[in-house]
Amino acid sequence: MDHEKVNILLVDDQPAKLLAYEVILKELGENLVIASSGREALEILLKTEIAVILVDVCMPELDGFELAAMIREHPRFQKIAMIFISAIQVSDIDRLRGYEMGAVDYVPVPVVPEVLRAKIKVFAELYRKTRELERLNQELEDRVRARTAELEKSTAKLLESEQRRSMAIAAGKMGSWDWDWINGDWMWDEGQYRIFGVAPETFNVTSANVQALLHPDDVDQFRLAIAAFNKGADAYEAEFRINRPDGDVRWCVGTAAATLDGNGRVVRVSGVTVDITERKRAEARQNLLAREVDHRAKNALALAQSIVRLTRADDVKTYVDAVEGRINALARVHTILSLSSWQGAELRKLIDEELAPHALGGQVRLTGPEVQLAPVTAQTLTLALHELFTNSAKYGALSTRSGRLSISWEADDTMLALTWDEAGGPRVRPPKVRGFGTKSLLASVESQLGGQAAFDWRSEGLLCRLEVPLTRKTSLLTPEKFEGVAIGALQRASG
């Protein structure tokens, strides 16, 4: 049976081995794509839809494990099947590492052609069937969507009318009325009185009295409706505001229809009024939220740009690692704060999030009560903790398995005191010059929060104490003001 060919990416730095794989896999009838390095493979992945990747573990510059890790980090490539080829003896630990990197299978060298073809064929067919299933699902969804649209179009007016009337009446948000166009008499139902905020016993329904309750900016709508009916219009709809006697302003939408006599003259106008105040308020809140999100995103980007611009490093890799670490720390605390609707964050949760990427097992001990931090305090303290963890993982106690780190804290209503105590790592020497990380930590804690940071570079390990006010006015800064203060702190740290 004919089927659409899929792309199989072959990655190896040795042309002879690539040629051998091509010969072995040619009879599968698929498209074979060649890459002679990990970087070339990444470039191909960005441009080409790949079903299966066959990659050599041992390659210069970027080996198979590193390539697999980079591929798995990209959301587009997380489901691509990867098969490792290894010319060396593969231990269980090596296999485990490969599977952690995203490999689905191993093929040892010398390669058995029948085995390699069978493995590749299985994953190619799986990819093809998955794509076919996705296509069928999409077609089904398209048909359902089209049919649903037809049904919605054919019944929209009926549903809207029935739902609006039943829901509005039940909630007291709708009223109906009649106006005798000849003698000027009005008739209101209970819902109409309720919307206008007046009582049937005391309010005399006349055109003048109705107009007096309309918002001054919307009186022209009433006059335009009268003019339209006088010119022969048979229907009119408009949004308008009501100034209730108690001072409350309500948004309404009114729909009116005329009854004509045999000569085409208007004799009666009937209509309904729907209170849409909550919808209008929701729209205003949504617009405000959209502006706030846009503003906050711009400020977060400005802070990220400042981190990129002001970070210093001796080489590209160190620079990239530092920038990514600081931005990831900022992203983690933003996620925590977003889950609480920017009400605050728990200190232990912040520490756990910063600790998680290091996978240090039992090397770290945390001691302290539950402390809820204001958003700005949480953000600033997270960046400070990130610098401490990064420094310890590179040079301090967390850089070796024998090292130990104790983080303890205590707090009252006004002050948080956090102690960072390292031991068992490499011998510590006091730095001759403070690095960017240390200076940014000091600048953020002292400048932004009005706190203090003290460092004791003991030979057995760093001892750091942070004291942070919990009630200082800066803790009440809005998120956008925080980014401005944080950028200033980063600039001072880079100086």
Protein backbone atom coordinates (compact mmCIF):
# COMPACT_ATOMS: atom_id res chain seq x y z
CA MET A 1 0.00 0.00 0.00
CA ASP A 2 1.41 3.43 -0.97
CA HIS A 3 2.01 5.77 1.89
CA GLU A 4 3.44 9.19 2.42
CA LYS A 5 7.17 9.07 3.05
CA VAL A 6 8.51 10.32 6.37
CA ASN A 7 11.88 11.93 7.10
CA ILE A 8 14.53 9.99 9.02
CA LEU A 9 17.46 12.04 10.28
CA LEU A 10 20.87 10.27 10.37
CA VAL A 11 23.45 12.04 12.55
CA ASP A 12 27.13 10.96 12.59
CA ASP A 13 30.43 12.76 12.09
CA GLN A 14 31.88 9.90 9.99
CA PRO A 15 30.80 9.89 6.31
CA ALA A 16 31.49 6.15 5.95
CA LYS A 17 29.06 5.30 8.74
CA LEU A 18 26.42 7.63 7.30
CA LEU A 19 26.78 5.91 3.94
CA ALA A 20 26.39 2.52 5.63
CA TYR A 21 23.19 3.63 7.37
CA GLU A 22 21.83 4.92 4.04
CA VAL A 23 22.47 1.59 2.38
CA ILE A 24 20.85 -0.34 5.23
CA LEU A 25 17.76 1.88 5.42
CA LYS A 26 17.29 2.59 1.72
CA GLU A 27 14.90 -0.30 1.17
CA LEU A 28 12.47 1.15 3.72
CA GLY A 29 11.51 3.67 1.06
CA GLU A 30 11.61 6.68 3.41
CA ASN A 31 13.37 10.05 3.01
CA LEU A 32 16.85 9.86 4.57
CA VAL A 33 18.21 13.22 5.76
CA ILE A 34 21.95 13.44 6.56
CA ALA A 35 23.65 15.53 9.25
CA SER A 36 27.39 15.31 9.92
CA SER A 37 27.26 17.12 13.29
CA GLY A 38 24.93 17.92 16.15
CA ARG A 39 24.66 21.56 15.12
CA GLU A 40 23.76 20.63 11.56
CA ALA A 41 21.11 18.27 12.95
CA LEU A 42 19.56 21.10 14.98
CA GLU A 43 19.42 23.32 11.89
CA ILE A 44 17.67 20.57 9.93
CA LEU A 45 15.15 19.99 12.74
CA LEU A 46 14.13 23.65 12.68
CA LYS A 47 13.38 23.47 8.95
CA THR A 48 12.18 19.88 8.42
CA GLU A 49 9.53 17.65 9.97
CA ILE A 50 11.46 14.62 11.28
CA ALA A 51 9.90 11.28 12.31
CA VAL A 52 12.93 9.40 13.71
CA ILE A 53 16.46 10.45 14.62
CA LEU A 54 19.35 7.97 14.46
CA VAL A 55 22.29 9.54 16.28
CA ASP A 56 25.82 8.46 17.14
CA VAL A 57 26.59 8.80 20.86
CA CYS A 58 30.27 9.66 20.37
CA MET A 59 30.69 12.83 18.30
CA PRO A 60 33.10 15.73 18.74
CA GLU A 61 31.93 19.17 19.84
CA LEU A 62 28.34 18.09 20.58
CA ASP A 63 27.84 14.42 21.48
CA GLY A 64 24.65 12.41 21.19
CA PHE A 65 23.59 12.93 24.80
CA GLU A 66 24.00 16.70 24.56
CA LEU A 67 22.18 16.81 21.25
CA ALA A 68 19.31 14.77 22.68
CA ALA A 69 19.03 17.09 25.67
CA MET A 70 18.86 20.16 23.42
CA ILE A 71 16.24 18.51 21.22
CA ARG A 72 14.06 17.55 24.16
CA GLU A 73 14.15 21.10 25.54
CA HIS A 74 12.33 22.38 22.44
CA PRO A 75 8.54 21.86 22.71
CA ARG A 76 8.24 20.98 19.00
CA PHE A 77 10.66 18.05 19.26
CA GLN A 78 9.71 16.44 22.58
CA LYS A 79 7.91 13.51 20.95
CA ILE A 80 10.43 12.68 18.21
CA ALA A 81 11.77 9.12 18.51
CA MET A 82 15.56 9.05 19.00
CA ILE A 83 17.71 5.93 18.62
CA PHE A 84 21.31 6.00 19.85
CA ILE A 85 24.12 4.12 18.11
CA SER A 86 27.13 3.36 20.31
CA ALA A 87 30.42 1.78 19.22
CA ILE A 88 31.55 1.38 22.82
CA GLN A 89 30.31 -0.99 25.47
CA VAL A 90 27.11 0.46 26.84
CA SER A 91 26.58 0.07 30.58
CA ASP A 92 23.26 0.24 32.39
CA ILE A 93 24.18 3.71 33.61
CA ASP A 94 24.85 4.82 30.03
CA ARG A 95 21.50 3.41 28.95
CA LEU A 96 19.74 5.14 31.81
CA ARG A 97 21.38 8.43 30.89
CA GLY A 98 20.31 7.96 27.29
CA TYR A 99 16.72 7.26 28.26
CA GLU A 100 16.73 10.30 30.51
CA MET A 101 17.91 12.38 27.55
CA GLY A 102 14.96 11.11 25.52
CA ALA A 103 16.29 8.03 23.69
CA VAL A 104 13.76 5.33 22.87
CA ASP A 105 16.31 2.62 22.02
CA TYR A 106 20.00 1.71 21.66
CA VAL A 107 21.73 0.01 18.72
CA PRO A 108 25.24 -1.38 19.36
CA VAL A 109 28.05 -1.50 16.80
CA PRO A 110 28.55 -3.53 14.67
CA VAL A 111 25.05 -2.76 13.45
CA VAL A 112 22.85 -5.68 12.40
CA PRO A 113 21.06 -4.33 9.30
CA GLU A 114 17.85 -6.33 9.86
CA VAL A 115 17.59 -5.14 13.47
CA LEU A 116 18.23 -1.49 12.61
CA ARG A 117 15.70 -1.57 9.75
CA ALA A 118 13.09 -3.18 12.01
CA LYS A 119 13.53 -0.60 14.74
CA ILE A 120 13.41 2.34 12.34
CA LYS A 121 10.39 0.90 10.55
CA VAL A 122 8.41 0.55 13.78
CA PHE A 123 8.92 4.16 14.79
CA ALA A 124 8.37 5.46 11.25
CA GLU A 125 5.03 3.62 11.08
CA LEU A 126 4.09 4.88 14.52
CA TYR A 127 4.85 8.44 13.43
CA ARG A 128 2.85 7.98 10.21
CA LYS A 129 -0.17 6.53 12.02
CA THR A 130 -0.02 9.28 14.63
CA ARG A 131 -0.02 11.95 11.91
CA GLU A 132 -2.88 10.21 10.11
CA LEU A 133 -4.87 10.06 13.32
CA GLU A 134 -4.22 13.75 13.93
CA ARG A 135 -5.36 14.52 10.39
CA LEU A 136 -8.54 12.49 10.79
CA ASN A 137 -9.23 14.14 14.13
CA GLN A 138 -8.73 17.55 12.58
CA GLU A 139 -11.10 16.71 9.73
CA LEU A 140 -13.67 15.49 12.20
CA GLU A 141 -13.30 18.65 14.26
CA ASP A 142 -13.64 20.76 11.12
CA ARG A 143 -16.84 18.97 10.13
CA VAL A 144 -18.25 19.27 13.63
CA ARG A 145 -17.27 22.93 13.74
CA ALA A 146 -18.88 23.62 10.36
CA ARG A 147 -22.07 21.80 11.34
CA THR A 148 -22.16 23.57 14.68
CA ALA A 149 -21.74 26.92 12.97
CA GLU A 150 -24.68 26.15 10.67
CA LEU A 151 -26.87 25.19 13.59
CA GLU A 152 -25.81 28.24 15.56
CA LYS A 153 -26.48 30.50 12.61
CA SER A 154 -29.95 29.07 11.99
CA THR A 155 -31.01 29.27 15.65
CA ALA A 156 -29.00 32.24 16.93
CA LYS A 157 -31.84 34.76 16.93
CA LEU A 158 -34.28 32.37 18.54
CA LEU A 159 -31.82 31.24 21.22
CA GLU A 160 -30.69 34.77 21.94
CA SER A 161 -34.24 36.00 22.32
CA GLU A 162 -35.37 33.12 24.51
CA GLN A 163 -32.25 32.98 26.65
CA ARG A 164 -32.04 36.72 27.18
CA ARG A 165 -35.67 36.93 28.19
CA SER A 166 -35.73 33.88 30.49
CA MET A 167 -32.39 34.65 32.16
CA ALA A 168 -33.00 38.38 32.48
CA ILE A 169 -36.48 37.99 33.92
CA ALA A 170 -35.25 35.37 36.39
CA ALA A 171 -32.43 37.64 37.53
CA GLY A 172 -34.52 40.80 37.58
CA LYS A 173 -32.44 42.33 34.77
CA MET A 174 -35.17 42.78 32.18
CA GLY A 175 -38.33 44.80 31.79
CA SER A 176 -40.97 45.38 29.13
CA TRP A 177 -43.13 48.36 28.26
CA ASP A 178 -45.84 49.73 25.94
CA TRP A 179 -46.26 53.29 24.73
CA ASP A 180 -49.52 54.49 23.18
CA TRP A 181 -48.22 56.72 20.40
CA ILE A 182 -51.56 58.50 19.97
CA ASN A 183 -52.46 59.59 23.53
CA GLY A 184 -48.99 59.19 25.14
CA ASP A 185 -49.92 56.64 27.82
CA TRP A 186 -47.20 54.31 29.08
CA MET A 187 -47.38 50.85 30.62
CA TRP A 188 -44.42 49.36 32.51
CA ASP A 189 -44.05 45.91 34.02
CA GLU A 190 -42.37 45.24 37.35
CA GLY A 191 -38.99 44.59 35.77
CA GLN A 192 -38.98 47.99 34.07
CA TYR A 193 -39.60 49.79 37.38
CA ARG A 194 -36.83 47.72 38.98
CA ILE A 195 -34.29 48.61 36.29
CA PHE A 196 -35.03 52.34 36.59
CA GLY A 197 -34.89 52.13 40.40
CA VAL A 198 -38.33 53.64 40.98
CA ALA A 199 -41.52 52.41 42.64
CA PRO A 200 -44.85 52.00 40.80
CA GLU A 201 -46.64 53.72 43.69
CA THR A 202 -44.65 56.95 43.44
CA PHE A 203 -43.34 57.19 39.89
CA ASN A 204 -45.62 58.59 37.19
CA VAL A 205 -44.54 57.13 33.82
CA THR A 206 -44.54 59.93 31.28
CA SER A 207 -42.19 60.75 28.42
CA ALA A 208 -40.80 63.71 30.35
CA ASN A 209 -40.22 61.69 33.53
CA VAL A 210 -38.56 58.85 31.58
CA GLN A 211 -36.29 61.30 29.80
CA ALA A 212 -35.35 62.90 33.14
CA LEU A 213 -33.90 59.55 34.33
CA LEU A 214 -31.69 59.15 31.29
CA HIS A 215 -28.01 60.04 31.45
CA PRO A 216 -27.54 63.55 29.95
CA ASP A 217 -25.17 62.18 27.31
CA ASP A 218 -27.77 59.64 26.18
CA VAL A 219 -30.90 61.80 25.99
CA ASP A 220 -30.31 62.22 22.26
CA GLN A 221 -30.84 58.46 21.82
CA PHE A 222 -34.40 58.89 23.10
CA ARG A 223 -35.03 61.79 20.74
CA LEU A 224 -33.54 59.92 17.79
CA ALA A 225 -35.83 56.96 18.48
CA ILE A 226 -38.91 59.20 18.46
CA ALA A 227 -37.74 60.86 15.23
CA ALA A 228 -37.11 57.48 13.60
CA PHE A 229 -40.61 56.20 14.39
CA ASN A 230 -42.15 59.44 13.18
CA LYS A 231 -40.39 58.88 9.85
CA GLY A 232 -41.84 55.39 9.49
CA ALA A 233 -39.21 53.16 11.15
CA ASP A 234 -40.67 49.94 12.53
CA ALA A 235 -37.83 49.04 14.94
CA TYR A 236 -35.06 50.70 16.92
CA GLU A 237 -32.30 49.49 19.24
CA ALA A 238 -29.79 51.44 21.35
CA GLU A 239 -27.57 51.31 24.41
CA PHE A 240 -28.10 53.98 27.04
CA ARG A 241 -27.49 54.82 30.69
CA ILE A 242 -29.94 55.47 33.50
CA ASN A 243 -29.32 57.76 36.46
CA ARG A 244 -31.33 56.12 39.22
CA PRO A 245 -32.76 58.37 41.96
CA ASP A 246 -30.35 56.74 44.47
CA GLY A 247 -27.37 57.87 42.38
CA ASP A 248 -26.55 54.47 40.83
CA VAL A 249 -25.81 54.54 37.09
CA ARG A 250 -27.01 51.53 35.08
CA TRP A 251 -26.17 50.54 31.51
CA CYS A 252 -29.11 49.23 29.46
CA VAL A 253 -29.90 48.09 25.96
CA GLY A 254 -33.38 48.86 24.70
CA THR A 255 -35.20 47.31 21.76
CA ALA A 256 -38.45 48.79 20.45
CA ALA A 257 -40.88 47.78 17.70
CA ALA A 258 -43.74 49.83 16.24
CA THR A 259 -47.31 48.77 15.47
CA LEU A 260 -48.69 50.51 12.36
CA ASP A 261 -52.26 51.22 11.26
CA GLY A 262 -53.64 50.66 7.79
CA ASN A 263 -52.14 53.91 6.58
CA GLY A 264 -48.66 53.00 7.80
CA ARG A 265 -48.76 55.36 10.75
CA VAL A 266 -47.38 54.41 14.17
CA VAL A 267 -50.09 53.76 16.76
CA ARG A 268 -48.10 51.88 19.44
CA VAL A 269 -44.50 51.20 20.33
CA SER A 270 -43.57 48.20 22.48
CA GLY A 271 -40.18 47.18 23.73
CA VAL A 272 -37.92 45.52 26.23
CA THR A 273 -35.12 46.92 28.37
CA VAL A 274 -32.19 44.78 29.49
CA ASP A 275 -29.81 45.83 32.27
CA ILE A 276 -26.27 45.17 30.92
CA THR A 277 -24.36 46.98 33.69
CA GLU A 278 -22.45 43.88 34.81
CA ARG A 279 -21.40 43.14 31.25
CA LYS A 280 -20.15 46.68 30.81
CA ARG A 281 -18.24 46.52 34.06
CA ALA A 282 -16.75 43.17 33.06
CA GLU A 283 -15.65 44.66 29.74
CA ALA A 284 -14.04 47.57 31.58
CA ARG A 285 -12.25 45.18 33.95
CA GLN A 286 -11.10 43.08 31.01
CA ASN A 287 -9.73 46.12 29.21
CA LEU A 288 -7.97 47.24 32.39
CA LEU A 289 -6.52 43.76 32.88
CA ALA A 290 -5.34 43.66 29.26
CA ARG A 291 -3.56 46.98 29.70
CA GLU A 292 -2.06 45.81 32.98
CA VAL A 293 -0.83 42.55 31.45
CA ASP A 294 0.66 44.44 28.51
CA HIS A 295 2.38 46.90 30.84
CA ARG A 296 3.66 44.16 33.14
CA ALA A 297 4.97 42.15 30.17
CA LYS A 298 6.84 45.18 28.85
CA ASN A 299 8.41 45.79 32.25
CA ALA A 300 9.37 42.14 32.64
CA LEU A 301 11.03 42.28 29.21
CA ALA A 302 12.86 45.44 30.27
CA LEU A 303 14.18 43.64 33.35
CA ALA A 304 15.22 40.64 31.24
CA GLN A 305 16.96 42.96 28.79
CA SER A 306 18.82 44.57 31.68
CA ILE A 307 19.94 41.17 32.95
CA VAL A 308 21.22 40.34 29.45
CA ARG A 309 22.93 43.68 29.02
CA LEU A 310 24.52 43.94 32.45
CA THR A 311 25.63 40.34 33.06
CA ARG A 312 29.40 39.89 32.82
CA ALA A 313 31.31 36.66 31.97
CA ASP A 314 34.70 35.52 30.70
CA ASP A 315 33.30 33.34 27.90
CA VAL A 316 30.10 32.80 25.95
CA LYS A 317 28.97 29.63 27.75
CA THR A 318 29.39 31.18 31.18
CA TYR A 319 27.52 34.25 30.00
CA VAL A 320 24.64 32.20 28.56
CA ASP A 321 24.39 30.09 31.72
CA ALA A 322 24.33 33.17 33.95
CA VAL A 323 21.68 34.96 31.88
CA GLU A 324 19.48 31.88 31.57
CA GLY A 325 19.76 31.16 35.29
CA ARG A 326 18.72 34.67 36.32
CA ILE A 327 15.85 34.87 33.84
CA ASN A 328 14.63 31.39 34.81
CA ALA A 329 14.69 32.39 38.48
CA LEU A 330 12.61 35.45 37.63
CA ALA A 331 10.19 33.30 35.62
CA ARG A 332 9.79 30.81 38.47
CA VAL A 333 8.83 33.43 41.01
CA HIS A 334 6.48 35.10 38.52
CA THR A 335 4.71 31.74 38.10
CA ILE A 336 4.33 31.33 41.86
CA LEU A 337 2.97 34.86 42.22
CA SER A 338 0.60 34.44 39.28
CA LEU A 339 -0.93 31.36 40.94
CA SER A 340 -1.71 33.53 43.97
CA SER A 341 -3.04 36.40 41.79
CA TRP A 342 0.00 38.42 42.92
CA GLN A 343 -1.03 38.24 46.57
CA GLY A 344 2.31 36.82 47.74
CA ALA A 345 4.50 33.72 47.97
CA GLU A 346 5.61 31.32 50.72
CA LEU A 347 9.36 31.45 51.47
CA ARG A 348 9.92 27.68 51.57
CA LYS A 349 8.26 27.35 48.15
CA LEU A 350 10.67 29.92 46.70
CA ILE A 351 13.66 28.06 48.14
CA ASP A 352 12.37 24.70 46.87
CA GLU A 353 11.95 26.14 43.36
CA GLU A 354 15.53 27.47 43.35
CA LEU A 355 16.83 24.20 44.80
CA ALA A 356 15.02 21.92 42.31
CA PRO A 357 17.32 22.46 39.25
CA HIS A 358 20.38 21.37 41.26
CA ALA A 359 19.00 17.90 42.27
CA LEU A 360 21.19 17.80 45.35
CA GLY A 361 19.35 15.18 47.38
CA GLY A 362 20.21 15.31 51.07
CA GLN A 363 22.92 17.96 50.88
CA VAL A 364 20.57 20.79 51.81
CA ARG A 365 18.69 21.21 55.08
CA LEU A 366 15.87 23.76 55.44
CA THR A 367 14.66 24.99 58.83
CA GLY A 368 12.13 27.69 59.50
CA PRO A 369 8.47 28.57 59.98
CA GLU A 370 5.96 29.35 57.27
CA VAL A 371 6.52 32.92 56.07
CA GLN A 372 4.32 34.63 53.49
CA LEU A 373 6.19 37.26 51.49
CA ALA A 374 4.79 40.24 49.63
CA PRO A 375 5.28 40.08 45.83
CA VAL A 376 8.20 42.53 45.63
CA THR A 377 9.95 40.91 48.61
CA ALA A 378 9.45 37.48 47.02
CA GLN A 379 10.87 38.58 43.67
CA THR A 380 13.90 40.30 45.16
CA LEU A 381 14.69 37.48 47.59
CA THR A 382 14.37 34.91 44.79
CA LEU A 383 17.03 36.67 42.71
CA ALA A 384 19.27 36.90 45.79
CA LEU A 385 18.82 33.19 46.58
CA HIS A 386 19.54 32.33 42.94
CA GLU A 387 22.91 34.09 43.15
CA LEU A 388 23.75 32.21 46.36
CA PHE A 389 22.76 28.83 44.90
CA THR A 390 24.64 29.51 41.67
CA ASN A 391 27.82 30.55 43.49
CA SER A 392 27.63 27.54 45.81
CA ALA A 393 27.04 25.11 42.92
CA LYS A 394 30.08 26.48 41.06
CA TYR A 395 32.57 27.13 43.82
CA GLY A 396 31.10 26.32 47.22
CA ALA A 397 29.61 23.47 49.23
CA LEU A 398 27.20 22.38 46.51
CA SER A 399 30.04 21.88 44.02
CA THR A 400 31.03 18.61 45.70
CA ARG A 401 29.14 15.65 47.14
CA SER A 402 30.75 16.11 50.54
CA GLY A 403 29.43 19.65 50.86
CA ARG A 404 26.48 20.57 53.05
CA LEU A 405 24.22 23.61 53.08
CA SER A 406 21.92 24.71 55.89
CA ILE A 407 19.29 27.38 55.23
CA SER A 408 17.44 28.54 58.30
CA TRP A 409 15.17 31.49 58.92
CA GLU A 410 13.06 33.11 61.57
CA ALA A 411 10.54 35.92 61.33
CA ASP A 412 8.27 38.14 63.33
CA ASP A 413 5.71 40.68 62.16
CA THR A 414 8.36 43.13 60.95
CA MET A 415 11.57 41.29 60.02
CA LEU A 416 12.80 38.16 58.27
CA ALA A 417 16.28 36.88 59.17
CA LEU A 418 17.71 34.17 56.86
CA THR A 419 21.01 32.38 57.47
CA TRP A 420 22.93 30.62 54.67
CA ASP A 421 25.57 28.27 56.16
CA GLU A 422 27.89 26.20 53.92
CA ALA A 423 30.32 23.52 55.11
CA GLY A 424 32.30 20.56 53.77
CA GLY A 425 33.05 22.03 50.36
CA PRO A 426 36.28 23.30 48.84
CA ARG A 427 38.41 25.57 50.98
CA VAL A 428 37.05 29.11 50.76
CA ARG A 429 39.15 32.20 50.21
CA PRO A 430 37.66 35.69 50.56
CA PRO A 431 37.25 37.20 47.08
CA LYS A 432 39.51 40.10 46.26
CA VAL A 433 36.81 41.72 44.16
CA ARG A 434 33.07 41.22 44.49
CA GLY A 435 31.50 39.65 41.41
CA PHE A 436 28.34 40.80 39.66
CA GLY A 437 26.24 38.18 41.47
CA THR A 438 27.35 39.30 44.93
CA LYS A 439 26.99 42.98 44.07
CA SER A 440 23.52 42.45 42.58
CA LEU A 441 22.50 40.51 45.70
CA LEU A 442 23.63 43.35 47.95
CA ALA A 443 22.06 46.00 45.73
CA SER A 444 18.70 44.22 45.53
CA VAL A 445 18.40 43.39 49.24
CA GLU A 446 19.67 46.74 50.50
CA SER A 447 18.35 49.13 47.82
CA GLN A 448 15.01 47.52 47.04
CA LEU A 449 14.00 46.11 50.41
CA GLY A 450 15.95 48.28 52.84
CA GLY A 451 17.51 45.16 54.31
CA GLN A 452 21.06 44.04 55.10
CA ALA A 453 23.30 41.31 53.70
CA ALA A 454 26.42 40.19 55.56
CA PHE A 455 29.05 37.75 54.19
CA ASP A 456 31.59 35.78 56.24
CA TRP A 457 34.00 33.97 53.87
CA ARG A 458 35.11 31.30 56.35
CA SER A 459 37.64 28.73 55.18
CA GLU A 460 35.17 25.89 55.88
CA GLY A 461 32.37 27.55 53.91
CA LEU A 462 30.43 30.75 53.26
CA LEU A 463 28.21 32.10 56.03
CA CYS A 464 25.69 34.67 54.81
CA ARG A 465 22.95 36.41 56.77
CA LEU A 466 20.11 38.32 55.12
CA GLU A 467 17.83 40.58 57.12
CA VAL A 468 14.75 41.76 55.23
CA PRO A 469 11.97 44.04 56.54
CA LEU A 470 8.51 42.56 56.02
CA THR A 471 6.55 45.77 56.52
CA ARG A 472 8.65 48.32 54.65
CA LYS A 473 6.68 50.52 52.21
CA THR A 474 8.70 49.25 49.25
CA SER A 475 7.09 45.86 49.81
CA LEU A 476 3.87 47.47 48.62
CA LEU A 477 5.35 48.49 45.28
CA THR A 478 3.33 47.52 42.26
CA PRO A 479 4.93 44.91 39.96
CA GLU A 480 5.77 47.52 37.32
CA LYS A 481 7.51 49.74 39.92
CA PHE A 482 9.44 46.70 41.14
CA GLU A 483 10.92 46.17 37.69
CA GLY A 484 12.10 49.78 37.61
CA VAL A 485 13.78 49.49 41.02
CA ALA A 486 15.26 46.08 40.08
CA ILE A 487 16.77 47.47 36.88
CA GLY A 488 18.37 50.26 38.91
CA ALA A 489 19.81 47.71 41.33
CA LEU A 490 21.26 45.67 38.46
CA GLN A 491 22.83 48.80 36.99
CA ARG A 492 24.44 49.66 40.32
CA ALA A 493 25.71 46.08 40.65
CA SER A 494 27.35 46.27 37.21
CA GLY A 495 29.16 49.48 38.03
